[in-house]
PDB file of N, CA and C in Angstrom:
ATOM      1  N   UNK A   1      86.885  88.615  91.706  1.00  0.00           N
ATOM      2  CA  UNK A   1      86.018  88.417  90.559  1.00  0.00           C
ATOM      3  C   UNK A   1      84.817  87.600  90.990  1.00  0.00           C
ATOM      4  N   UNK A   2      83.673  87.957  90.465  1.00  0.00           N
ATOM      5  CA  UNK A   2      82.448  87.231  90.761  1.00  0.00           C
ATOM      6  C   UNK A   2      82.443  85.905  90.014  1.00  0.00           C
ATOM      7  N   UNK A   3      81.827  84.911  90.620  1.00  0.00           N
ATOM      8  CA  UNK A   3      81.770  83.601  89.980  1.00  0.00           C
ATOM      9  C   UNK A   3      80.901  83.656  88.726  1.00  0.00           C
ATOM     10  N   UNK A   4      81.137  82.722  87.831  1.00  0.00           N
ATOM     11  CA  UNK A   4      80.347  82.651  86.595  1.00  0.00           C
ATOM     12  C   UNK A   4      78.873  82.427  86.909  1.00  0.00           C
ATOM     13  N   UNK A   5      78.610  81.678  87.960  1.00  0.00           N
ATOM     14  CA  UNK A   5      77.226  81.402  88.341  1.00  0.00           C
ATOM     15  C   UNK A   5      76.505  82.674  88.768  1.00  0.00           C
ATOM     16  N   UNK A   6      77.192  83.518  89.541  1.00  0.00           N
ATOM     17  CA  UNK A   6      76.570  84.767  89.994  1.00  0.00           C
ATOM     18  C   UNK A   6      76.348  85.728  88.827  1.00  0.00           C
ATOM     19  N   UNK A   7      77.304  85.806  87.923  1.00  0.00           N
ATOM     20  CA  UNK A   7      77.143  86.669  86.753  1.00  0.00           C
ATOM     21  C   UNK A   7      76.002  86.164  85.883  1.00  0.00           C
ATOM     22  N   UNK A   8      75.918  84.851  85.723  1.00  0.00           N
ATOM     23  CA  UNK A   8      74.812  84.272  84.951  1.00  0.00           C
ATOM     24  C   UNK A   8      73.478  84.590  85.616  1.00  0.00           C
ATOM     25  N   UNK A   9      73.441  84.537  86.938  1.00  0.00           N
ATOM     26  CA  UNK A   9      72.187  84.839  87.660  1.00  0.00           C
ATOM     27  C   UNK A   9      71.820  86.309  87.501  1.00  0.00           C
ATOM     28  N   UNK A  10      72.803  87.211  87.548  1.00  0.00           N
ATOM     29  CA  UNK A  10      72.539  88.636  87.323  1.00  0.00           C
ATOM     30  C   UNK A  10      71.903  88.823  85.951  1.00  0.00           C
ATOM     31  N   UNK A  11      72.460  88.190  84.940  1.00  0.00           N
ATOM     32  CA  UNK A  11      71.928  88.309  83.578  1.00  0.00           C
ATOM     33  C   UNK A  11      70.539  87.686  83.463  1.00  0.00           C
ATOM     34  N   UNK A  12      70.354  86.566  84.117  1.00  0.00           N
ATOM     35  CA  UNK A  12      69.052  85.895  84.097  1.00  0.00           C
ATOM     36  C   UNK A  12      67.976  86.805  84.706  1.00  0.00           C
ATOM     37  N   UNK A  13      68.293  87.412  85.843  1.00  0.00           N
ATOM     38  CA  UNK A  13      67.331  88.300  86.493  1.00  0.00           C
ATOM     39  C   UNK A  13      67.081  89.554  85.664  1.00  0.00           C
ATOM     40  N   UNK A  14      68.106  90.074  85.015  1.00  0.00           N
ATOM     41  CA  UNK A  14      67.934  91.257  84.167  1.00  0.00           C
ATOM     42  C   UNK A  14      67.001  90.942  83.002  1.00  0.00           C
ATOM     43  N   UNK A  15      67.194  89.796  82.379  1.00  0.00           N
ATOM     44  CA  UNK A  15      66.333  89.402  81.257  1.00  0.00           C
ATOM     45  C   UNK A  15      64.896  89.174  81.719  1.00  0.00           C
ATOM     46  N   UNK A  16      64.738  88.532  82.860  1.00  0.00           N
ATOM     47  CA  UNK A  16      63.392  88.287  83.375  1.00  0.00           C
ATOM     48  C   UNK A  16      62.711  89.603  83.737  1.00  0.00           C
ATOM     49  N   UNK A  17      63.480  90.533  84.287  1.00  0.00           N
ATOM     50  CA  UNK A  17      62.942  91.839  84.650  1.00  0.00           C
ATOM     51  C   UNK A  17      62.375  92.558  83.431  1.00  0.00           C
ATOM     52  N   UNK A  18      63.092  92.457  82.317  1.00  0.00           N
ATOM     53  CA  UNK A  18      62.648  93.110  81.080  1.00  0.00           C
ATOM     54  C   UNK A  18      61.442  92.412  80.461  1.00  0.00           C
ATOM     55  N   UNK A  19      61.403  91.099  80.551  1.00  0.00           N
ATOM     56  CA  UNK A  19      60.360  90.358  79.842  1.00  0.00           C
ATOM     57  C   UNK A  19      59.067  90.213  80.638  1.00  0.00           C
ATOM     58  N   UNK A  20      59.163  89.857  81.913  1.00  0.00           N
ATOM     59  CA  UNK A  20      57.934  89.592  82.656  1.00  0.00           C
ATOM     60  C   UNK A  20      57.877  90.216  84.040  1.00  0.00           C
ATOM     61  N   UNK A  21      58.961  90.800  84.491  1.00  0.00           N
ATOM     62  CA  UNK A  21      58.993  91.396  85.822  1.00  0.00           C
ATOM     63  C   UNK A  21      59.523  90.421  86.857  1.00  0.00           C
ATOM     64  N   UNK A  22      59.928  90.976  87.990  1.00  0.00           N
ATOM     65  CA  UNK A  22      60.514  90.176  89.059  1.00  0.00           C
ATOM     66  C   UNK A  22      59.598  90.147  90.278  1.00  0.00           C
ATOM     67  N   UNK A  23      59.674  89.057  91.012  1.00  0.00           N
ATOM     68  CA  UNK A  23      58.994  88.996  92.296  1.00  0.00           C
ATOM     69  C   UNK A  23      59.784  89.868  93.273  1.00  0.00           C
ATOM     70  N   UNK A  24      59.192  90.254  94.394  1.00  0.00           N
ATOM     71  CA  UNK A  24      59.952  91.040  95.385  1.00  0.00           C
ATOM     72  C   UNK A  24      61.231  90.332  95.850  1.00  0.00           C
ATOM     73  N   UNK A  25      61.173  89.023  95.995  1.00  0.00           N
ATOM     74  CA  UNK A  25      62.366  88.271  96.420  1.00  0.00           C
ATOM     75  C   UNK A  25      63.442  88.317  95.341  1.00  0.00           C
ATOM     76  N   UNK A  26      63.034  88.196  94.086  1.00  0.00           N
ATOM     77  CA  UNK A  26      63.999  88.259  92.982  1.00  0.00           C
ATOM     78  C   UNK A  26      64.589  89.656  92.844  1.00  0.00           C
ATOM     79  N   UNK A  27      63.766  90.678  93.063  1.00  0.00           N
ATOM     80  CA  UNK A  27      64.267  92.057  92.985  1.00  0.00           C
ATOM     81  C   UNK A  27      65.304  92.309  94.077  1.00  0.00           C
ATOM     82  N   UNK A  28      65.045  91.776  95.270  1.00  0.00           N
ATOM     83  CA  UNK A  28      66.004  91.913  96.373  1.00  0.00           C
ATOM     84  C   UNK A  28      67.299  91.179  96.043  1.00  0.00           C
ATOM     85  N   UNK A  29      67.180  89.970  95.498  1.00  0.00           N
ATOM     86  CA  UNK A  29      68.367  89.199  95.100  1.00  0.00           C
ATOM     87  C   UNK A  29      69.157  89.947  94.034  1.00  0.00           C
ATOM     88  N   UNK A  30      68.445  90.530  93.065  1.00  0.00           N
ATOM     89  CA  UNK A  30      69.107  91.276  91.995  1.00  0.00           C
ATOM     90  C   UNK A  30      69.882  92.461  92.565  1.00  0.00           C
ATOM     91  N   UNK A  31      69.280  93.178  93.498  1.00  0.00           N
ATOM     92  CA  UNK A  31      69.948  94.324  94.125  1.00  0.00           C
ATOM     93  C   UNK A  31      71.203  93.882  94.869  1.00  0.00           C
ATOM     94  N   UNK A  32      71.106  92.780  95.597  1.00  0.00           N
ATOM     95  CA  UNK A  32      72.267  92.270  96.337  1.00  0.00           C
ATOM     96  C   UNK A  32      73.379  91.833  95.390  1.00  0.00           C
ATOM     97  N   UNK A  33      73.025  91.123  94.330  1.00  0.00           N
ATOM     98  CA  UNK A  33      74.031  90.655  93.373  1.00  0.00           C
ATOM     99  C   UNK A  33      74.689  91.819  92.648  1.00  0.00           C
ATOM    100  N   UNK A  34      73.902  92.802  92.260  1.00  0.00           N
ATOM    101  CA  UNK A  34      74.469  93.983  91.590  1.00  0.00           C
ATOM    102  C   UNK A  34      75.415  94.727  92.522  1.00  0.00           C
ATOM    103  N   UNK A  35      75.037  94.850  93.788  1.00  0.00           N
ATOM    104  CA  UNK A  35      75.903  95.508  94.767  1.00  0.00           C
ATOM    105  C   UNK A  35      77.222  94.780  94.926  1.00  0.00           C
ATOM    106  N   UNK A  36      77.144  93.455  95.003  1.00  0.00           N
ATOM    107  CA  UNK A  36      78.365  92.651  95.120  1.00  0.00           C
ATOM    108  C   UNK A  36      79.240  92.813  93.879  1.00  0.00           C
ATOM    109  N   UNK A  37      78.597  92.815  92.711  1.00  0.00           N
ATOM    110  CA  UNK A  37      79.332  92.991  91.461  1.00  0.00           C
ATOM    111  C   UNK A  37      80.037  94.348  91.437  1.00  0.00           C
ATOM    112  N   UNK A  38      79.323  95.407  91.811  1.00  0.00           N
ATOM    113  CA  UNK A  38      79.918  96.742  91.801  1.00  0.00           C
ATOM    114  C   UNK A  38      81.069  96.864  92.793  1.00  0.00           C
ATOM    115  N   UNK A  39      80.917  96.291  93.984  1.00  0.00           N
ATOM    116  CA  UNK A  39      82.016  96.333  94.967  1.00  0.00           C
ATOM    117  C   UNK A  39      83.253  95.627  94.429  1.00  0.00           C
ATOM    118  N   UNK A  40      83.053  94.479  93.809  1.00  0.00           N
ATOM    119  CA  UNK A  40      84.168  93.719  93.239  1.00  0.00           C
ATOM    120  C   UNK A  40      84.823  94.498  92.104  1.00  0.00           C
ATOM    121  N   UNK A  41      84.006  95.085  91.226  1.00  0.00           N
ATOM    122  CA  UNK A  41      84.530  95.853  90.103  1.00  0.00           C
ATOM    123  C   UNK A  41      85.326  97.058  90.597  1.00  0.00           C
ATOM    124  N   UNK A  42      84.776  97.792  91.542  1.00  0.00           N
ATOM    125  CA  UNK A  42      85.450  98.995  92.056  1.00  0.00           C
ATOM    126  C   UNK A  42      86.771  98.650  92.728  1.00  0.00           C
ATOM    127  N   UNK A  43      86.779  97.567  93.489  1.00  0.00           N
ATOM    128  CA  UNK A  43      88.021  97.141  94.147  1.00  0.00           C
ATOM    129  C   UNK A  43      89.086  96.789  93.107  1.00  0.00           C
ATOM    130  N   UNK A  44      88.676  96.075  92.071  1.00  0.00           N
ATOM    131  CA  UNK A  44      89.598  95.692  91.008  1.00  0.00           C
ATOM    132  C   UNK A  44      90.124  96.920  90.264  1.00  0.00           C
ATOM    133  N   UNK A  45      89.241  97.854  89.967  1.00  0.00           N
ATOM    134  CA  UNK A  45      89.642  99.071  89.252  1.00  0.00           C
ATOM    135  C   UNK A  45      90.589  99.903  90.104  1.00  0.00           C
ATOM    136  N   UNK A  46      90.285 100.048  91.387  1.00  0.00           N
ATOM    137  CA  UNK A  46      91.162 100.808  92.277  1.00  0.00           C
ATOM    138  C   UNK A  46      92.534 100.161  92.351  1.00  0.00           C
ATOM    139  N   UNK A  47      92.577  98.845  92.433  1.00  0.00           N
ATOM    140  CA  UNK A  47      93.849  98.129  92.481  1.00  0.00           C
ATOM    141  C   UNK A  47      94.653  98.362  91.200  1.00  0.00           C
ATOM    142  N   UNK A  48      93.968  98.341  90.065  1.00  0.00           N
ATOM    143  CA  UNK A  48      94.645  98.580  88.784  1.00  0.00           C
ATOM    144  C   UNK A  48      95.241  99.983  88.740  1.00  0.00           C
ATOM    145  N   UNK A  49      94.446 100.972  89.111  1.00  0.00           N
ATOM    146  CA  UNK A  49      94.907 102.368  89.067  1.00  0.00           C
ATOM    147  C   UNK A  49      96.044 102.598  90.055  1.00  0.00           C
ATOM    148  N   UNK A  50      95.917 102.025  91.241  1.00  0.00           N
ATOM    149  CA  UNK A  50      96.932 102.236  92.274  1.00  0.00           C
ATOM    150  C   UNK A  50      98.262 101.574  91.942  1.00  0.00           C
ATOM    151  N   UNK A  51      98.269 100.651  91.017  1.00  0.00           N
ATOM    152  CA  UNK A  51      99.504  99.956  90.672  1.00  0.00           C
ATOM    153  C   UNK A  51     100.060 100.367  89.311  1.00  0.00           C
ATOM    154  N   UNK A  52      99.548 101.435  88.745  1.00  0.00           N
ATOM    155  CA  UNK A  52     100.056 101.857  87.446  1.00  0.00           C
ATOM    156  C   UNK A  52     101.034 103.016  87.591  1.00  0.00           C
ATOM    157  N   UNK A  53     101.909 103.120  86.635  1.00  0.00           N
ATOM    158  CA  UNK A  53     102.823 104.237  86.519  1.00  0.00           C
ATOM    159  C   UNK A  53     102.624 104.828  85.133  1.00  0.00           C
ATOM    160  N   UNK A  54     102.484 106.154  85.084  1.00  0.00           N
ATOM    161  CA  UNK A  54     102.242 106.813  83.807  1.00  0.00           C
ATOM    162  C   UNK A  54     103.539 107.488  83.360  1.00  0.00           C
ATOM    163  N   UNK A  55     103.968 107.144  82.153  1.00  0.00           N
ATOM    164  CA  UNK A  55     105.196 107.688  81.579  1.00  0.00           C
ATOM    165  C   UNK A  55     104.831 108.490  80.333  1.00  0.00           C
ATOM    166  N   UNK A  56     105.327 109.736  80.257  1.00  0.00           N
ATOM    167  CA  UNK A  56     105.047 110.553  79.069  1.00  0.00           C
ATOM    168  C   UNK A  56     105.980 110.162  77.926  1.00  0.00           C
ATOM    169  N   UNK A  57     105.762 110.710  76.718  1.00  0.00           N
ATOM    170  CA  UNK A  57     106.584 110.335  75.558  1.00  0.00           C
ATOM    171  C   UNK A  57     108.088 110.576  75.740  1.00  0.00           C
ATOM    172  N   UNK A  58     108.465 111.512  76.634  1.00  0.00           N
ATOM    173  CA  UNK A  58     109.886 111.779  76.875  1.00  0.00           C
ATOM    174  C   UNK A  58     110.486 110.834  77.914  1.00  0.00           C
ATOM    175  N   UNK A  59     109.660 109.953  78.478  1.00  0.00           N
ATOM    176  CA  UNK A  59     110.157 108.993  79.457  1.00  0.00           C
ATOM    177  C   UNK A  59     110.066 109.460  80.891  1.00  0.00           C
ATOM    178  N   UNK A  60     109.374 110.568  81.140  1.00  0.00           N
ATOM    179  CA  UNK A  60     109.236 111.094  82.500  1.00  0.00           C
ATOM    180  C   UNK A  60     108.041 110.455  83.204  1.00  0.00           C
ATOM    181  N   UNK A  61     108.215 110.192  84.477  1.00  0.00           N
ATOM    182  CA  UNK A  61     107.118 109.655  85.281  1.00  0.00           C
ATOM    183  C   UNK A  61     106.149 110.800  85.587  1.00  0.00           C
ATOM    184  N   UNK A  62     104.947 110.727  85.064  1.00  0.00           N
ATOM    185  CA  UNK A  62     103.936 111.760  85.278  1.00  0.00           C
ATOM    186  C   UNK A  62     102.718 111.191  86.034  1.00  0.00           C
ATOM    187  N   UNK A  63     102.982 110.166  86.826  1.00  0.00           N
ATOM    188  CA  UNK A  63     101.925 109.573  87.639  1.00  0.00           C
ATOM    189  C   UNK A  63     101.395 110.651  88.588  1.00  0.00           C
ATOM    190  N   UNK A  64     100.065 110.791  88.691  1.00  0.00           N
ATOM    191  CA  UNK A  64      99.512 111.816  89.597  1.00  0.00           C
ATOM    192  C   UNK A  64      99.986 111.609  91.035  1.00  0.00           C
ATOM    193  N   UNK A  65     100.202 112.723  91.734  1.00  0.00           N
ATOM    194  CA  UNK A  65     100.684 112.665  93.118  1.00  0.00           C
ATOM    195  C   UNK A  65      99.763 111.840  94.008  1.00  0.00           C
ATOM    196  N   UNK A  66      98.473 111.933  93.773  1.00  0.00           N
ATOM    197  CA  UNK A  66      97.520 111.176  94.585  1.00  0.00           C
ATOM    198  C   UNK A  66      97.790 109.670  94.475  1.00  0.00           C
ATOM    199  N   UNK A  67      98.061 109.196  93.271  1.00  0.00           N
ATOM    200  CA  UNK A  67      98.341 107.776  93.063  1.00  0.00           C
ATOM    201  C   UNK A  67      99.682 107.413  93.712  1.00  0.00           C
ATOM    202  N   UNK A  68     100.669 108.293  93.602  1.00  0.00           N
ATOM    203  CA  UNK A  68     101.967 108.037  94.233  1.00  0.00           C
ATOM    204  C   UNK A  68     101.824 107.904  95.745  1.00  0.00           C
ATOM    205  N   UNK A  69     100.992 108.763  96.364  1.00  0.00           N
ATOM    206  CA  UNK A  69     100.778 108.703  97.813  1.00  0.00           C
ATOM    207  C   UNK A  69     100.101 107.393  98.206  1.00  0.00           C
ATOM    208  N   UNK A  70      99.147 106.953  97.412  1.00  0.00           N
ATOM    209  CA  UNK A  70      98.465 105.683  97.689  1.00  0.00           C
ATOM    210  C   UNK A  70      99.464 104.536  97.616  1.00  0.00           C
ATOM    211  N   UNK A  71     100.351 104.562  96.608  1.00  0.00           N
ATOM    212  CA  UNK A  71     101.370 103.516  96.479  1.00  0.00           C
ATOM    213  C   UNK A  71     102.277 103.494  97.704  1.00  0.00           C
ATOM    214  N   UNK A  72     102.696 104.672  98.163  1.00  0.00           N
ATOM    215  CA  UNK A  72     103.559 104.764  99.343  1.00  0.00           C
ATOM    216  C   UNK A  72     102.861 104.177 100.562  1.00  0.00           C
ATOM    217  N   UNK A  73     101.592 104.525 100.744  1.00  0.00           N
ATOM    218  CA  UNK A  73     100.839 104.010 101.889  1.00  0.00           C
ATOM    219  C   UNK A  73     100.689 102.497 101.812  1.00  0.00           C
ATOM    220  N   UNK A  74     100.462 101.967 100.615  1.00  0.00           N
ATOM    221  CA  UNK A  74     100.327 100.523 100.441  1.00  0.00           C
ATOM    222  C   UNK A  74     101.632  99.810 100.772  1.00  0.00           C
ATOM    223  N   UNK A  75     102.763 100.406 100.380  1.00  0.00           N
ATOM    224  CA  UNK A  75     104.064  99.795 100.673  1.00  0.00           C
ATOM    225  C   UNK A  75     104.299  99.727 102.183  1.00  0.00           C
ATOM    226  N   UNK A  76     103.887 100.767 102.889  1.00  0.00           N
ATOM    227  CA  UNK A  76     104.066 100.796 104.347  1.00  0.00           C
ATOM    228  C   UNK A  76     103.227  99.735 105.029  1.00  0.00           C
ATOM    229  N   UNK A  77     102.049  99.465 104.468  1.00  0.00           N
ATOM    230  CA  UNK A  77     101.156  98.485 105.086  1.00  0.00           C
ATOM    231  C   UNK A  77     101.614  97.051 104.853  1.00  0.00           C
ATOM    232  N   UNK A  78     102.383  96.808 103.808  1.00  0.00           N
ATOM    233  CA  UNK A  78     102.798  95.432 103.474  1.00  0.00           C
ATOM    234  C   UNK A  78     104.172  95.170 103.933  1.00  0.00           C
TER     235      UNK A  78
END
């Protein structure tokens, strides 16, 4: 998870971009922070999906095979 300070800075730069524009240095910082945020979000989302099990109303495990294979590979690595 990104720190509160970094998220606040992302929001600060977004607001400044809309109101008055960013300097080249601020635009570069914004791009870097957004990239870091997206990498963190994607990693978290992948971890959530890879650790879920889907059960249908009849109680059957209907987790997609792709997710099951990822779980198996993760177990082997740990």
